[in-house]
Amino acid sequence: MCVDAVGGLITREQYFNALHMIVEAMGQLEPDSRVCVLCGDNDHQAWECDLNPVKMMLEAKRQRGEWRCFHCNETFTNYAAAREHFGGCDLEDAACQLKCRPFGPLTGQPMRMTCEADGTAKAKP
């Protein structure tokens, strides 16, 4: 089963449209004086176009494979390990940045902010 970016099934029509765009882009492999054959803009050509299915595929492969922490420089190639280190949302501290702070009657326990479903943050030991 093929699923698109928003969770729906990818249709035959979407595959045919992507194939058509690839064929069109193959006609503009070198710089020329024409506009982009995919979107019609005049500031780039097909190989640079964000609508180019091959460019999108290569970018997705590049992004999917690796996450690097700019705090500790550790690299993660597994999504679950990266999520464990970075947390589930932007409000959370990276694991390498957790400080030991007082938390209730306990002291010296790491405290991490977690994201609630409503978008608010909550402290978690």
N, C-alpha and C. Protein backbone atom coordinates (compact mmCIF):
# COMPACT_ATOMS: atom_id res chain seq x y z
N MET A 1 0.84 -1.18 0.00
CA MET A 1 0.00 0.00 0.00
C MET A 1 0.88 1.24 0.00
N CYS A 2 0.62 2.19 -0.86
CA CYS A 2 1.38 3.43 -0.94
C CYS A 2 0.60 4.56 -0.30
N VAL A 3 1.28 5.30 0.58
CA VAL A 3 0.63 6.38 1.30
C VAL A 3 1.32 7.69 0.96
N ASP A 4 0.53 8.74 0.71
CA ASP A 4 1.13 10.04 0.42
C ASP A 4 1.47 10.77 1.71
N ALA A 5 2.03 11.97 1.60
CA ALA A 5 2.54 12.71 2.75
C ALA A 5 1.46 13.04 3.77
N VAL A 6 0.21 13.14 3.36
CA VAL A 6 -0.84 13.48 4.32
C VAL A 6 -1.59 12.25 4.78
N GLY A 7 -1.10 11.07 4.48
CA GLY A 7 -1.67 9.84 5.01
C GLY A 7 -2.67 9.14 4.12
N GLY A 8 -2.99 9.72 2.95
CA GLY A 8 -3.92 9.07 2.03
C GLY A 8 -3.18 8.15 1.08
N LEU A 9 -3.93 7.34 0.35
CA LEU A 9 -3.32 6.46 -0.62
C LEU A 9 -2.85 7.24 -1.85
N ILE A 10 -1.74 6.86 -2.42
CA ILE A 10 -1.25 7.46 -3.66
C ILE A 10 -2.02 6.79 -4.80
N THR A 11 -2.58 7.61 -5.66
CA THR A 11 -3.41 7.08 -6.75
C THR A 11 -2.59 6.84 -8.01
N ARG A 12 -3.18 6.08 -8.94
CA ARG A 12 -2.55 5.87 -10.25
C ARG A 12 -2.33 7.19 -10.95
N GLU A 13 -3.31 8.09 -10.84
CA GLU A 13 -3.21 9.40 -11.49
C GLU A 13 -2.01 10.19 -10.96
N GLN A 14 -1.77 10.11 -9.64
CA GLN A 14 -0.62 10.80 -9.06
C GLN A 14 0.69 10.21 -9.57
N TYR A 15 0.75 8.89 -9.70
CA TYR A 15 1.95 8.26 -10.27
C TYR A 15 2.15 8.70 -11.73
N PHE A 16 1.09 8.70 -12.53
CA PHE A 16 1.20 9.13 -13.92
C PHE A 16 1.63 10.59 -14.01
N ASN A 17 1.09 11.45 -13.13
CA ASN A 17 1.49 12.86 -13.13
C ASN A 17 2.98 13.00 -12.81
N ALA A 18 3.47 12.21 -11.83
CA ALA A 18 4.89 12.26 -11.47
C ALA A 18 5.75 11.78 -12.65
N LEU A 19 5.33 10.70 -13.30
CA LEU A 19 6.08 10.21 -14.45
C LEU A 19 6.10 11.24 -15.58
N HIS A 20 4.98 11.89 -15.81
CA HIS A 20 4.92 12.93 -16.84
C HIS A 20 5.89 14.07 -16.50
N MET A 21 5.93 14.47 -15.24
CA MET A 21 6.84 15.55 -14.83
C MET A 21 8.30 15.13 -14.99
N ILE A 22 8.61 13.87 -14.71
CA ILE A 22 9.98 13.38 -14.88
C ILE A 22 10.37 13.44 -16.36
N VAL A 23 9.47 13.00 -17.24
CA VAL A 23 9.75 13.04 -18.67
C VAL A 23 9.95 14.48 -19.14
N GLU A 24 9.09 15.39 -18.68
CA GLU A 24 9.25 16.80 -19.04
C GLU A 24 10.59 17.34 -18.54
N ALA A 25 10.95 17.03 -17.29
CA ALA A 25 12.21 17.53 -16.72
C ALA A 25 13.41 16.98 -17.47
N MET A 26 13.31 15.75 -17.98
CA MET A 26 14.42 15.17 -18.74
C MET A 26 14.72 15.95 -20.01
N GLY A 27 13.78 16.75 -20.47
CA GLY A 27 14.00 17.57 -21.65
C GLY A 27 14.75 18.86 -21.34
N GLN A 28 15.04 19.10 -20.08
CA GLN A 28 15.75 20.32 -19.69
C GLN A 28 16.88 19.96 -18.72
N LEU A 29 17.84 19.21 -19.25
CA LEU A 29 18.95 18.74 -18.43
C LEU A 29 20.12 19.72 -18.35
N GLU A 30 20.13 20.67 -19.24
CA GLU A 30 21.21 21.66 -19.26
C GLU A 30 20.60 23.05 -19.26
N PRO A 31 21.35 24.05 -18.78
CA PRO A 31 20.82 25.41 -18.80
C PRO A 31 20.43 25.84 -20.21
N ASP A 32 19.28 26.47 -20.33
CA ASP A 32 18.85 27.04 -21.59
C ASP A 32 18.12 28.34 -21.30
N SER A 33 17.64 28.99 -22.28
CA SER A 33 17.00 30.30 -22.08
C SER A 33 15.50 30.18 -21.80
N ARG A 34 15.00 28.96 -21.70
CA ARG A 34 13.57 28.77 -21.46
C ARG A 34 13.25 28.85 -19.97
N VAL A 35 11.97 28.99 -19.67
CA VAL A 35 11.50 28.95 -18.28
C VAL A 35 11.48 27.49 -17.82
N CYS A 36 11.29 27.26 -16.54
CA CYS A 36 11.19 25.90 -16.01
C CYS A 36 10.03 25.18 -16.70
N VAL A 37 10.32 24.00 -17.25
CA VAL A 37 9.28 23.25 -17.95
C VAL A 37 8.26 22.64 -17.00
N LEU A 38 8.55 22.61 -15.70
CA LEU A 38 7.63 22.02 -14.75
C LEU A 38 6.64 23.03 -14.16
N CYS A 39 7.12 24.23 -13.85
CA CYS A 39 6.23 25.20 -13.19
C CYS A 39 6.08 26.51 -13.94
N GLY A 40 6.93 26.75 -14.94
CA GLY A 40 6.83 27.97 -15.72
C GLY A 40 7.56 29.17 -15.15
N ASP A 41 8.18 29.04 -13.98
CA ASP A 41 8.93 30.16 -13.41
C ASP A 41 10.18 30.44 -14.26
N ASN A 42 10.62 31.70 -14.24
CA ASN A 42 11.79 32.05 -15.04
C ASN A 42 13.05 32.24 -14.22
N ASP A 43 13.00 31.90 -12.91
CA ASP A 43 14.20 32.07 -12.08
C ASP A 43 14.94 30.76 -11.82
N HIS A 44 14.48 29.67 -12.41
CA HIS A 44 15.17 28.39 -12.28
C HIS A 44 14.76 27.48 -13.44
N GLN A 45 15.38 26.30 -13.48
CA GLN A 45 15.04 25.33 -14.52
C GLN A 45 14.64 24.03 -13.84
N ALA A 46 14.28 23.04 -14.65
CA ALA A 46 13.63 21.83 -14.14
C ALA A 46 14.42 21.11 -13.05
N TRP A 47 15.74 20.99 -13.19
CA TRP A 47 16.53 20.25 -12.20
C TRP A 47 16.57 20.97 -10.86
N GLU A 48 16.26 22.26 -10.82
CA GLU A 48 16.26 23.04 -9.58
C GLU A 48 14.86 23.18 -8.99
N CYS A 49 13.83 22.80 -9.72
CA CYS A 49 12.44 23.05 -9.36
C CYS A 49 12.00 22.18 -8.17
N ASP A 50 11.32 22.81 -7.23
CA ASP A 50 10.82 22.07 -6.07
C ASP A 50 9.70 21.09 -6.44
N LEU A 51 9.15 21.20 -7.63
CA LEU A 51 8.12 20.27 -8.09
C LEU A 51 8.70 19.05 -8.79
N ASN A 52 10.01 19.02 -8.99
CA ASN A 52 10.66 17.91 -9.69
C ASN A 52 10.62 16.67 -8.79
N PRO A 53 9.91 15.60 -9.22
CA PRO A 53 9.80 14.40 -8.38
C PRO A 53 11.15 13.76 -8.04
N VAL A 54 12.10 13.81 -8.95
CA VAL A 54 13.43 13.23 -8.67
C VAL A 54 14.15 14.05 -7.61
N LYS A 55 14.09 15.37 -7.74
CA LYS A 55 14.70 16.24 -6.73
C LYS A 55 14.06 16.00 -5.36
N MET A 56 12.71 15.88 -5.32
CA MET A 56 12.02 15.62 -4.05
C MET A 56 12.46 14.29 -3.44
N MET A 57 12.59 13.25 -4.28
CA MET A 57 13.00 11.94 -3.80
C MET A 57 14.41 11.99 -3.21
N LEU A 58 15.33 12.64 -3.92
CA LEU A 58 16.71 12.72 -3.44
C LEU A 58 16.79 13.52 -2.14
N GLU A 59 16.03 14.60 -2.04
CA GLU A 59 16.01 15.41 -0.83
C GLU A 59 15.43 14.62 0.35
N ALA A 60 14.36 13.88 0.11
CA ALA A 60 13.76 13.06 1.17
C ALA A 60 14.73 11.99 1.65
N LYS A 61 15.45 11.35 0.74
CA LYS A 61 16.43 10.34 1.12
C LYS A 61 17.55 10.97 1.96
N ARG A 62 17.98 12.18 1.56
CA ARG A 62 19.04 12.86 2.29
C ARG A 62 18.58 13.22 3.70
N GLN A 63 17.37 13.73 3.83
CA GLN A 63 16.87 14.15 5.13
C GLN A 63 16.53 12.98 6.03
N ARG A 64 16.08 11.88 5.46
CA ARG A 64 15.60 10.75 6.23
C ARG A 64 16.71 10.04 7.00
N GLY A 65 17.90 10.10 6.48
CA GLY A 65 18.93 9.23 7.00
C GLY A 65 19.69 9.65 8.23
N GLU A 66 19.68 10.93 8.61
CA GLU A 66 20.62 11.32 9.66
C GLU A 66 20.14 12.57 10.41
N TRP A 67 20.31 12.54 11.73
CA TRP A 67 20.05 13.69 12.58
C TRP A 67 21.28 13.93 13.43
N ARG A 68 21.77 15.17 13.46
CA ARG A 68 22.97 15.50 14.23
C ARG A 68 22.62 16.54 15.28
N CYS A 69 23.03 16.30 16.52
CA CYS A 69 22.80 17.25 17.61
C CYS A 69 23.88 18.32 17.57
N PHE A 70 23.49 19.59 17.52
CA PHE A 70 24.50 20.64 17.48
C PHE A 70 25.06 20.94 18.86
N HIS A 71 24.45 20.35 19.92
CA HIS A 71 25.00 20.52 21.27
C HIS A 71 26.18 19.57 21.50
N CYS A 72 25.96 18.29 21.24
CA CYS A 72 26.97 17.28 21.56
C CYS A 72 27.62 16.67 20.32
N ASN A 73 27.13 17.00 19.12
CA ASN A 73 27.65 16.52 17.85
C ASN A 73 27.41 15.03 17.62
N GLU A 74 26.55 14.41 18.43
CA GLU A 74 26.22 13.00 18.22
C GLU A 74 25.31 12.87 16.99
N THR A 75 25.53 11.81 16.21
CA THR A 75 24.74 11.56 15.01
C THR A 75 23.85 10.36 15.23
N PHE A 76 22.59 10.48 14.78
CA PHE A 76 21.62 9.40 14.91
C PHE A 76 21.13 9.03 13.53
N THR A 77 21.11 7.74 13.21
CA THR A 77 20.60 7.28 11.93
C THR A 77 19.30 6.52 12.11
N ASN A 78 18.85 6.39 13.34
CA ASN A 78 17.62 5.68 13.68
C ASN A 78 16.64 6.70 14.25
N TYR A 79 15.41 6.76 13.69
CA TYR A 79 14.43 7.75 14.12
C TYR A 79 14.11 7.64 15.61
N ALA A 80 13.94 6.42 16.11
CA ALA A 80 13.58 6.25 17.52
C ALA A 80 14.69 6.77 18.44
N ALA A 81 15.94 6.50 18.09
CA ALA A 81 17.05 6.99 18.91
C ALA A 81 17.15 8.51 18.83
N ALA A 82 16.92 9.08 17.66
CA ALA A 82 16.95 10.54 17.51
C ALA A 82 15.84 11.18 18.34
N ARG A 83 14.65 10.61 18.29
CA ARG A 83 13.52 11.15 19.06
C ARG A 83 13.80 11.04 20.56
N GLU A 84 14.42 9.98 20.98
CA GLU A 84 14.77 9.82 22.39
C GLU A 84 15.75 10.91 22.82
N HIS A 85 16.70 11.23 21.98
CA HIS A 85 17.70 12.25 22.31
C HIS A 85 17.11 13.67 22.23
N PHE A 86 16.37 13.95 21.13
CA PHE A 86 15.87 15.30 20.89
C PHE A 86 14.53 15.58 21.55
N GLY A 87 13.78 14.54 21.91
CA GLY A 87 12.45 14.74 22.45
C GLY A 87 11.41 14.75 21.35
N GLY A 88 10.17 14.91 21.76
CA GLY A 88 9.07 14.81 20.81
C GLY A 88 8.65 16.11 20.15
N CYS A 89 9.13 17.24 20.64
CA CYS A 89 8.76 18.52 20.02
C CYS A 89 9.82 19.57 20.32
N ASP A 90 9.64 20.75 19.76
CA ASP A 90 10.64 21.81 19.90
C ASP A 90 10.77 22.35 21.33
N LEU A 91 9.77 22.12 22.17
CA LEU A 91 9.83 22.64 23.54
C LEU A 91 10.71 21.79 24.46
N GLU A 92 11.02 20.59 24.04
CA GLU A 92 11.81 19.69 24.87
C GLU A 92 13.30 19.97 24.73
N ASP A 93 14.03 19.76 25.81
CA ASP A 93 15.48 19.86 25.77
C ASP A 93 16.06 18.56 25.21
N ALA A 94 17.18 18.67 24.51
CA ALA A 94 17.88 17.46 24.07
C ALA A 94 18.41 16.75 25.31
N ALA A 95 18.50 15.44 25.24
CA ALA A 95 18.94 14.65 26.39
C ALA A 95 20.30 15.10 26.90
N CYS A 96 21.19 15.50 26.00
CA CYS A 96 22.53 15.93 26.41
C CYS A 96 22.50 17.27 27.15
N GLN A 97 21.37 17.97 27.10
CA GLN A 97 21.26 19.28 27.74
C GLN A 97 20.48 19.25 29.05
N LEU A 98 20.02 18.06 29.44
CA LEU A 98 19.26 17.96 30.69
C LEU A 98 20.18 18.27 31.86
N LYS A 99 19.71 19.08 32.74
CA LYS A 99 20.45 19.44 33.95
C LYS A 99 19.76 18.79 35.14
N CYS A 100 20.52 18.49 36.16
CA CYS A 100 19.93 17.99 37.40
C CYS A 100 19.39 19.19 38.16
N ARG A 101 18.10 19.21 38.39
CA ARG A 101 17.45 20.31 39.10
C ARG A 101 16.56 19.72 40.17
N PRO A 102 16.27 20.51 41.20
CA PRO A 102 15.32 20.01 42.19
C PRO A 102 13.97 19.75 41.54
N PHE A 103 13.33 18.67 41.93
CA PHE A 103 12.01 18.35 41.42
C PHE A 103 11.18 17.78 42.57
N GLY A 104 10.28 18.60 43.09
CA GLY A 104 9.47 18.16 44.23
C GLY A 104 10.36 17.82 45.41
N PRO A 105 10.00 16.76 46.14
CA PRO A 105 10.81 16.39 47.30
C PRO A 105 12.13 15.75 46.92
N LEU A 106 12.28 15.36 45.65
CA LEU A 106 13.51 14.72 45.21
C LEU A 106 14.48 15.78 44.70
N THR A 107 15.75 15.56 44.84
CA THR A 107 16.73 16.47 44.26
C THR A 107 17.67 15.66 43.39
N GLY A 108 18.26 16.33 42.44
CA GLY A 108 19.24 15.67 41.59
C GLY A 108 18.63 14.79 40.52
N GLN A 109 17.32 14.81 40.32
CA GLN A 109 16.69 14.02 39.28
C GLN A 109 16.60 14.86 38.00
N PRO A 110 16.96 14.30 36.86
CA PRO A 110 16.82 15.08 35.63
C PRO A 110 15.36 15.43 35.39
N MET A 111 15.11 16.61 34.87
CA MET A 111 13.76 17.04 34.57
C MET A 111 13.68 17.37 33.08
N ARG A 112 12.68 16.89 32.42
CA ARG A 112 12.50 17.12 30.99
C ARG A 112 11.12 17.69 30.75
N MET A 113 11.04 18.64 29.81
CA MET A 113 9.75 19.18 29.43
C MET A 113 9.16 18.25 28.38
N THR A 114 7.87 17.95 28.51
CA THR A 114 7.21 17.13 27.51
C THR A 114 6.04 17.92 26.94
N CYS A 115 5.68 17.62 25.72
CA CYS A 115 4.59 18.32 25.06
C CYS A 115 3.29 17.57 25.28
N GLU A 116 2.27 18.32 25.65
CA GLU A 116 0.95 17.76 25.82
C GLU A 116 0.20 17.89 24.50
N ALA A 117 -0.91 17.16 24.38
CA ALA A 117 -1.68 17.18 23.14
C ALA A 117 -2.18 18.58 22.79
N ASP A 118 -2.44 19.42 23.80
CA ASP A 118 -2.95 20.76 23.52
C ASP A 118 -1.83 21.76 23.20
N GLY A 119 -0.56 21.31 23.10
CA GLY A 119 0.54 22.16 22.73
C GLY A 119 1.25 22.81 23.92
N THR A 120 0.78 22.57 25.13
CA THR A 120 1.43 23.12 26.29
C THR A 120 2.56 22.20 26.74
N ALA A 121 3.48 22.75 27.52
CA ALA A 121 4.61 21.95 28.01
C ALA A 121 4.38 21.62 29.49
N LYS A 122 4.89 20.47 29.90
CA LYS A 122 4.74 20.03 31.27
C LYS A 122 6.05 19.41 31.71
N ALA A 123 6.46 19.69 32.96
CA ALA A 123 7.68 19.10 33.49
C ALA A 123 7.46 17.63 33.78
N LYS A 124 8.48 16.84 33.49
CA LYS A 124 8.40 15.38 33.72
C LYS A 124 9.75 14.95 34.28
N PRO A 125 9.71 14.16 35.37
CA PRO A 125 11.01 13.70 35.92
C PRO A 125 11.67 12.70 34.99
